[in-house]
């Protein structure tokens, strides 16, 4: 991604080096998901990871550099474990792929008992107005998400499943916004049925554009 901020790190090809860096990232990601970026101190990360300050600064120049690395890791994980598996089969039914993706995200929230919400949404809410570099990096992540959904919508149009006059980018943006909002509401209410109803409405909205 061509946005501000650097995540260049020292050599980590050795198993020990890679493991130490992952140890720091895992600990920081857990803390930030629940507490937020600003409320998570470097001391918190060191204590949670069990890594000394010298080792931390070997892999990350600053807490900001750690933040960029976490966002990049979230992006990679979301693409590799969620978006990719959901949409990589270009011969599959694109509408069914979208519906299954919505269910997949909802099931993840169900398994977490609506605790924590969406890490991408949490970071976007916290950081977009206070850190331009993080805002750009997070905006790129949401662009990737919207892009996968828009591509699926266009394939559905090509297959004659959705009307040709549908704006794929706008519909994809609506689906992302609706899904993010449903995650937030289920987090606030601690009630997965809130998200279930929202996801069902998103599916009905999608069906509204059917041919």
C-alpha atoms as a PDB file:
ATOM      1  CA  UNK A   1       0.000   0.000   0.000  1.00  0.00           C
ATOM      2  CA  UNK A   2       1.337   3.380  -0.919  1.00  0.00           C
ATOM      3  CA  UNK A   3       0.513   5.315   2.237  1.00  0.00           C
ATOM      4  CA  UNK A   4       2.536   7.087   4.876  1.00  0.00           C
ATOM      5  CA  UNK A   5       4.275   5.188   7.613  1.00  0.00           C
ATOM      6  CA  UNK A   6       6.942   2.554   7.575  1.00  0.00           C
ATOM      7  CA  UNK A   7       6.871  -1.032   8.723  1.00  0.00           C
ATOM      8  CA  UNK A   8      10.401  -1.901   7.638  1.00  0.00           C
ATOM      9  CA  UNK A   9      11.919  -4.230  10.209  1.00  0.00           C
ATOM     10  CA  UNK A  10      15.334  -5.760  10.845  1.00  0.00           C
ATOM     11  CA  UNK A  11      16.196  -9.234   9.670  1.00  0.00           C
ATOM     12  CA  UNK A  12      13.646 -11.740  11.032  1.00  0.00           C
ATOM     13  CA  UNK A  13      14.270 -14.736   8.810  1.00  0.00           C
ATOM     14  CA  UNK A  14      15.561 -16.833  11.693  1.00  0.00           C
ATOM     15  CA  UNK A  15      12.834 -18.792  13.490  1.00  0.00           C
ATOM     16  CA  UNK A  16      13.744 -17.099  16.765  1.00  0.00           C
ATOM     17  CA  UNK A  17      13.613 -13.610  15.262  1.00  0.00           C
ATOM     18  CA  UNK A  18      10.281 -14.216  13.562  1.00  0.00           C
ATOM     19  CA  UNK A  19       8.860 -15.761  16.735  1.00  0.00           C
ATOM     20  CA  UNK A  20       9.903 -12.792  18.868  1.00  0.00           C
ATOM     21  CA  UNK A  21       8.370 -10.277  16.465  1.00  0.00           C
ATOM     22  CA  UNK A  22       5.166 -12.327  16.295  1.00  0.00           C
ATOM     23  CA  UNK A  23       5.126 -12.530  20.093  1.00  0.00           C
ATOM     24  CA  UNK A  24       5.149  -8.739  20.297  1.00  0.00           C
ATOM     25  CA  UNK A  25       2.505  -8.359  17.585  1.00  0.00           C
ATOM     26  CA  UNK A  26       0.236 -10.983  19.131  1.00  0.00           C
ATOM     27  CA  UNK A  27       0.371  -9.348  22.546  1.00  0.00           C
ATOM     28  CA  UNK A  28      -0.149  -5.845  21.181  1.00  0.00           C
ATOM     29  CA  UNK A  29      -3.027  -6.924  18.949  1.00  0.00           C
ATOM     30  CA  UNK A  30      -4.833  -8.591  21.866  1.00  0.00           C
ATOM     31  CA  UNK A  31      -4.492  -5.519  24.051  1.00  0.00           C
ATOM     32  CA  UNK A  32      -5.395  -2.992  21.366  1.00  0.00           C
ATOM     33  CA  UNK A  33      -8.463  -4.972  20.292  1.00  0.00           C
ATOM     34  CA  UNK A  34      -9.952  -4.627  23.782  1.00  0.00           C
ATOM     35  CA  UNK A  35      -8.369  -1.445  25.185  1.00  0.00           C
ATOM     36  CA  UNK A  36      -7.699   0.575  22.055  1.00  0.00           C
ATOM     37  CA  UNK A  37      -4.444   1.923  20.643  1.00  0.00           C
ATOM     38  CA  UNK A  38      -4.047   4.989  22.853  1.00  0.00           C
ATOM     39  CA  UNK A  39      -4.958   3.197  26.088  1.00  0.00           C
ATOM     40  CA  UNK A  40      -2.385   0.481  25.396  1.00  0.00           C
ATOM     41  CA  UNK A  41       1.045   1.589  26.593  1.00  0.00           C
ATOM     42  CA  UNK A  42       4.407   0.231  25.520  1.00  0.00           C
ATOM     43  CA  UNK A  43       4.835  -1.102  29.055  1.00  0.00           C
ATOM     44  CA  UNK A  44       1.545  -2.986  28.649  1.00  0.00           C
ATOM     45  CA  UNK A  45       2.845  -4.592  25.471  1.00  0.00           C
ATOM     46  CA  UNK A  46       6.177  -5.524  27.052  1.00  0.00           C
ATOM     47  CA  UNK A  47       4.469  -7.020  30.091  1.00  0.00           C
ATOM     48  CA  UNK A  48       1.929  -8.959  28.009  1.00  0.00           C
ATOM     49  CA  UNK A  49       4.514 -10.250  25.538  1.00  0.00           C
ATOM     50  CA  UNK A  50       7.279 -10.948  28.042  1.00  0.00           C
ATOM     51  CA  UNK A  51       9.754  -9.225  25.695  1.00  0.00           C
ATOM     52  CA  UNK A  52      12.311  -6.727  26.949  1.00  0.00           C
ATOM     53  CA  UNK A  53      12.427  -3.118  25.795  1.00  0.00           C
ATOM     54  CA  UNK A  54      15.692  -3.672  23.929  1.00  0.00           C
ATOM     55  CA  UNK A  55      14.186  -6.507  21.911  1.00  0.00           C
ATOM     56  CA  UNK A  56      11.109  -4.417  21.181  1.00  0.00           C
ATOM     57  CA  UNK A  57      13.169  -1.577  19.714  1.00  0.00           C
ATOM     58  CA  UNK A  58      15.145  -4.041  17.633  1.00  0.00           C
ATOM     59  CA  UNK A  59      11.967  -4.923  15.715  1.00  0.00           C
ATOM     60  CA  UNK A  60       9.976  -1.687  15.967  1.00  0.00           C
ATOM     61  CA  UNK A  61      11.224   1.888  15.945  1.00  0.00           C
ATOM     62  CA  UNK A  62       8.302   3.157  18.030  1.00  0.00           C
ATOM     63  CA  UNK A  63       4.769   2.440  19.168  1.00  0.00           C
ATOM     64  CA  UNK A  64       3.623   4.109  15.938  1.00  0.00           C
ATOM     65  CA  UNK A  65       5.707   1.684  13.896  1.00  0.00           C
ATOM     66  CA  UNK A  66       4.093  -1.154  15.863  1.00  0.00           C
ATOM     67  CA  UNK A  67       0.675   0.310  15.024  1.00  0.00           C
ATOM     68  CA  UNK A  68       1.423   0.240  11.289  1.00  0.00           C
ATOM     69  CA  UNK A  69       2.615  -3.357  11.571  1.00  0.00           C
ATOM     70  CA  UNK A  70      -0.577  -4.366  13.364  1.00  0.00           C
ATOM     71  CA  UNK A  71      -2.783  -2.741  10.716  1.00  0.00           C
ATOM     72  CA  UNK A  72      -0.793  -4.441   7.955  1.00  0.00           C
ATOM     73  CA  UNK A  73      -1.128  -7.754   9.758  1.00  0.00           C
ATOM     74  CA  UNK A  74      -4.885  -7.278  10.164  1.00  0.00           C
ATOM     75  CA  UNK A  75      -5.142  -6.504   6.445  1.00  0.00           C
ATOM     76  CA  UNK A  76      -3.136  -9.567   5.459  1.00  0.00           C
ATOM     77  CA  UNK A  77      -5.111 -11.809   7.801  1.00  0.00           C
ATOM     78  CA  UNK A  78      -8.474 -10.481   6.620  1.00  0.00           C
ATOM     79  CA  UNK A  79      -7.548 -11.079   2.985  1.00  0.00           C
ATOM     80  CA  UNK A  80      -5.939 -14.481   3.542  1.00  0.00           C
ATOM     81  CA  UNK A  81      -8.456 -15.954   5.979  1.00  0.00           C
ATOM     82  CA  UNK A  82     -11.728 -14.256   5.075  1.00  0.00           C
ATOM     83  CA  UNK A  83     -11.932 -12.317   1.801  1.00  0.00           C
ATOM     84  CA  UNK A  84      -9.745 -14.704  -0.183  1.00  0.00           C
ATOM     85  CA  UNK A  85     -11.520 -17.944   0.757  1.00  0.00           C
ATOM     86  CA  UNK A  86     -14.912 -16.263   0.375  1.00  0.00           C
ATOM     87  CA  UNK A  87     -14.409 -14.839  -3.121  1.00  0.00           C
ATOM     88  CA  UNK A  88     -11.458 -16.574  -4.785  1.00  0.00           C
ATOM     89  CA  UNK A  89     -13.562 -19.070  -6.785  1.00  0.00           C
ATOM     90  CA  UNK A  90     -14.568 -16.993  -9.794  1.00  0.00           C
ATOM     91  CA  UNK A  91     -16.755 -19.817 -11.097  1.00  0.00           C
ATOM     92  CA  UNK A  92     -18.907 -19.970  -7.962  1.00  0.00           C
ATOM     93  CA  UNK A  93     -22.275 -18.246  -7.538  1.00  0.00           C
ATOM     94  CA  UNK A  94     -21.273 -14.639  -6.610  1.00  0.00           C
ATOM     95  CA  UNK A  95     -24.506 -13.870  -4.749  1.00  0.00           C
ATOM     96  CA  UNK A  96     -24.106 -17.000  -2.663  1.00  0.00           C
ATOM     97  CA  UNK A  97     -20.514 -15.963  -1.962  1.00  0.00           C
ATOM     98  CA  UNK A  98     -21.686 -12.583  -0.647  1.00  0.00           C
ATOM     99  CA  UNK A  99     -24.383 -14.172   1.521  1.00  0.00           C
ATOM    100  CA  UNK A 100     -21.927 -16.741   2.870  1.00  0.00           C
ATOM    101  CA  UNK A 101     -19.416 -13.987   3.636  1.00  0.00           C
ATOM    102  CA  UNK A 102     -22.033 -12.067   5.634  1.00  0.00           C
ATOM    103  CA  UNK A 103     -22.797 -15.245   7.573  1.00  0.00           C
ATOM    104  CA  UNK A 104     -19.089 -15.877   8.116  1.00  0.00           C
ATOM    105  CA  UNK A 105     -18.545 -12.476   9.710  1.00  0.00           C
ATOM    106  CA  UNK A 106     -21.652 -12.896  11.853  1.00  0.00           C
ATOM    107  CA  UNK A 107     -20.527 -16.320  13.038  1.00  0.00           C
ATOM    108  CA  UNK A 108     -17.176 -14.870  14.111  1.00  0.00           C
ATOM    109  CA  UNK A 109     -19.012 -12.371  16.320  1.00  0.00           C
ATOM    110  CA  UNK A 110     -21.222 -15.137  17.695  1.00  0.00           C
ATOM    111  CA  UNK A 111     -18.179 -17.188  18.695  1.00  0.00           C
ATOM    112  CA  UNK A 112     -16.728 -14.161  20.511  1.00  0.00           C
ATOM    113  CA  UNK A 113     -20.044 -13.546  22.316  1.00  0.00           C
ATOM    114  CA  UNK A 114     -20.157 -10.055  20.785  1.00  0.00           C
ATOM    115  CA  UNK A 115     -17.026  -9.036  22.735  1.00  0.00           C
ATOM    116  CA  UNK A 116     -14.429  -6.820  21.075  1.00  0.00           C
ATOM    117  CA  UNK A 117     -16.388  -5.966  17.949  1.00  0.00           C
ATOM    118  CA  UNK A 118     -14.525  -5.453  14.679  1.00  0.00           C
ATOM    119  CA  UNK A 119     -10.869  -4.622  15.179  1.00  0.00           C
ATOM    120  CA  UNK A 120     -10.830  -2.677  11.896  1.00  0.00           C
ATOM    121  CA  UNK A 121     -13.866  -0.644  12.880  1.00  0.00           C
ATOM    122  CA  UNK A 122     -12.520  -0.063  16.378  1.00  0.00           C
ATOM    123  CA  UNK A 123      -9.235   1.301  15.079  1.00  0.00           C
ATOM    124  CA  UNK A 124     -10.938   3.393  12.399  1.00  0.00           C
ATOM    125  CA  UNK A 125     -13.213   5.003  15.002  1.00  0.00           C
ATOM    126  CA  UNK A 126     -10.350   5.704  17.380  1.00  0.00           C
ATOM    127  CA  UNK A 127      -7.605   6.823  15.023  1.00  0.00           C
ATOM    128  CA  UNK A 128      -9.057   8.317  11.840  1.00  0.00           C
ATOM    129  CA  UNK A 129      -9.385  11.840  13.269  1.00  0.00           C
ATOM    130  CA  UNK A 130      -6.115  11.871  15.199  1.00  0.00           C
ATOM    131  CA  UNK A 131      -3.511  10.128  13.023  1.00  0.00           C
ATOM    132  CA  UNK A 132      -3.468  10.684   9.278  1.00  0.00           C
ATOM    133  CA  UNK A 133      -1.076   7.850   8.518  1.00  0.00           C
ATOM    134  CA  UNK A 134      -3.209   5.319  10.341  1.00  0.00           C
ATOM    135  CA  UNK A 135      -6.347   6.753   8.714  1.00  0.00           C
ATOM    136  CA  UNK A 136      -4.880   6.230   5.245  1.00  0.00           C
ATOM    137  CA  UNK A 137      -3.749   2.698   6.050  1.00  0.00           C
ATOM    138  CA  UNK A 138      -7.171   1.789   7.463  1.00  0.00           C
ATOM    139  CA  UNK A 139      -8.956   3.428   4.525  1.00  0.00           C
ATOM    140  CA  UNK A 140      -6.915   1.207   2.203  1.00  0.00           C
ATOM    141  CA  UNK A 141      -8.043  -1.841   4.180  1.00  0.00           C
ATOM    142  CA  UNK A 142     -11.710  -0.915   3.757  1.00  0.00           C
ATOM    143  CA  UNK A 143     -11.066  -0.244   0.060  1.00  0.00           C
ATOM    144  CA  UNK A 144      -9.825  -3.824  -0.302  1.00  0.00           C
ATOM    145  CA  UNK A 145     -12.951  -5.100   1.454  1.00  0.00           C
ATOM    146  CA  UNK A 146     -15.277  -3.028  -0.732  1.00  0.00           C
ATOM    147  CA  UNK A 147     -13.346  -4.074  -3.811  1.00  0.00           C
ATOM    148  CA  UNK A 148     -13.932  -7.775  -3.217  1.00  0.00           C
ATOM    149  CA  UNK A 149     -17.650  -7.216  -2.700  1.00  0.00           C
ATOM    150  CA  UNK A 150     -17.918  -4.924  -5.744  1.00  0.00           C
ATOM    151  CA  UNK A 151     -16.186  -7.533  -7.914  1.00  0.00           C
ATOM    152  CA  UNK A 152     -18.698 -10.144  -6.725  1.00  0.00           C
ATOM    153  CA  UNK A 153     -21.579  -7.781  -7.552  1.00  0.00           C
ATOM    154  CA  UNK A 154     -20.179  -7.222 -11.056  1.00  0.00           C
ATOM    155  CA  UNK A 155     -19.883 -10.968 -11.594  1.00  0.00           C
ATOM    156  CA  UNK A 156     -23.499 -11.344 -10.501  1.00  0.00           C
ATOM    157  CA  UNK A 157     -24.451  -8.701 -13.066  1.00  0.00           C
ATOM    158  CA  UNK A 158     -22.483 -10.506 -15.758  1.00  0.00           C
ATOM    159  CA  UNK A 159     -24.340 -13.718 -14.860  1.00  0.00           C
ATOM    160  CA  UNK A 160     -27.667 -11.952 -15.139  1.00  0.00           C
ATOM    161  CA  UNK A 161     -28.412 -12.310 -11.420  1.00  0.00           C
ATOM    162  CA  UNK A 162     -28.441  -8.586 -10.637  1.00  0.00           C
ATOM    163  CA  UNK A 163     -29.731  -5.659 -12.677  1.00  0.00           C
ATOM    164  CA  UNK A 164     -27.212  -4.046 -15.005  1.00  0.00           C
ATOM    165  CA  UNK A 165     -28.047  -0.560 -13.718  1.00  0.00           C
ATOM    166  CA  UNK A 166     -26.856  -1.349 -10.186  1.00  0.00           C
ATOM    167  CA  UNK A 167     -23.799   0.663  -9.133  1.00  0.00           C
ATOM    168  CA  UNK A 168     -21.533  -2.132  -7.883  1.00  0.00           C
ATOM    169  CA  UNK A 169     -19.236   0.165  -5.910  1.00  0.00           C
ATOM    170  CA  UNK A 170     -22.132   1.879  -4.129  1.00  0.00           C
ATOM    171  CA  UNK A 171     -23.838  -1.403  -3.285  1.00  0.00           C
ATOM    172  CA  UNK A 172     -20.566  -2.826  -1.962  1.00  0.00           C
ATOM    173  CA  UNK A 173     -20.050   0.261   0.198  1.00  0.00           C
ATOM    174  CA  UNK A 174     -23.558  -0.099   1.601  1.00  0.00           C
ATOM    175  CA  UNK A 175     -22.924  -3.751   2.478  1.00  0.00           C
ATOM    176  CA  UNK A 176     -19.674  -2.903   4.281  1.00  0.00           C
ATOM    177  CA  UNK A 177     -21.311  -0.028   6.156  1.00  0.00           C
ATOM    178  CA  UNK A 178     -24.295  -2.154   7.127  1.00  0.00           C
ATOM    179  CA  UNK A 179     -22.140  -5.027   8.298  1.00  0.00           C
ATOM    180  CA  UNK A 180     -19.853  -2.750  10.323  1.00  0.00           C
ATOM    181  CA  UNK A 181     -22.861  -1.064  11.896  1.00  0.00           C
ATOM    182  CA  UNK A 182     -24.397  -4.399  12.827  1.00  0.00           C
ATOM    183  CA  UNK A 183     -21.170  -5.478  14.524  1.00  0.00           C
ATOM    184  CA  UNK A 184     -21.134  -2.260  16.546  1.00  0.00           C
ATOM    185  CA  UNK A 185     -24.773  -2.651  17.605  1.00  0.00           C
ATOM    186  CA  UNK A 186     -24.275  -6.268  18.645  1.00  0.00           C
ATOM    187  CA  UNK A 187     -21.193  -5.226  20.631  1.00  0.00           C
ATOM    188  CA  UNK A 188     -23.139  -2.502  22.445  1.00  0.00           C
ATOM    189  CA  UNK A 189     -26.169  -4.671  23.170  1.00  0.00           C
ATOM    190  CA  UNK A 190     -24.195  -7.908  23.682  1.00  0.00           C
ATOM    191  CA  UNK A 191     -26.961  -9.535  21.634  1.00  0.00           C
ATOM    192  CA  UNK A 192     -26.116 -11.480  18.475  1.00  0.00           C
ATOM    193  CA  UNK A 193     -29.763 -11.422  17.384  1.00  0.00           C
ATOM    194  CA  UNK A 194     -29.294  -7.719  16.583  1.00  0.00           C
ATOM    195  CA  UNK A 195     -26.636  -8.624  14.043  1.00  0.00           C
ATOM    196  CA  UNK A 196     -28.675 -11.566  12.750  1.00  0.00           C
ATOM    197  CA  UNK A 197     -31.559  -9.233  11.910  1.00  0.00           C
ATOM    198  CA  UNK A 198     -29.257  -6.684  10.268  1.00  0.00           C
ATOM    199  CA  UNK A 199     -27.563  -9.357   8.150  1.00  0.00           C
ATOM    200  CA  UNK A 200     -30.961 -10.655   7.041  1.00  0.00           C
ATOM    201  CA  UNK A 201     -31.923  -7.115   6.004  1.00  0.00           C
ATOM    202  CA  UNK A 202     -28.680  -6.796   4.023  1.00  0.00           C
ATOM    203  CA  UNK A 203     -29.479 -10.032   2.202  1.00  0.00           C
ATOM    204  CA  UNK A 204     -32.987  -8.795   1.409  1.00  0.00           C
ATOM    205  CA  UNK A 205     -31.571  -5.503   0.152  1.00  0.00           C
ATOM    206  CA  UNK A 206     -29.248  -7.430  -2.142  1.00  0.00           C
ATOM    207  CA  UNK A 207     -32.161  -9.538  -3.403  1.00  0.00           C
ATOM    208  CA  UNK A 208     -34.081  -6.361  -4.192  1.00  0.00           C
ATOM    209  CA  UNK A 209     -31.718  -5.761  -7.130  1.00  0.00           C
ATOM    210  CA  UNK A 210     -32.235  -9.233  -8.570  1.00  0.00           C
ATOM    211  CA  UNK A 211     -33.398  -9.730 -12.128  1.00  0.00           C
END
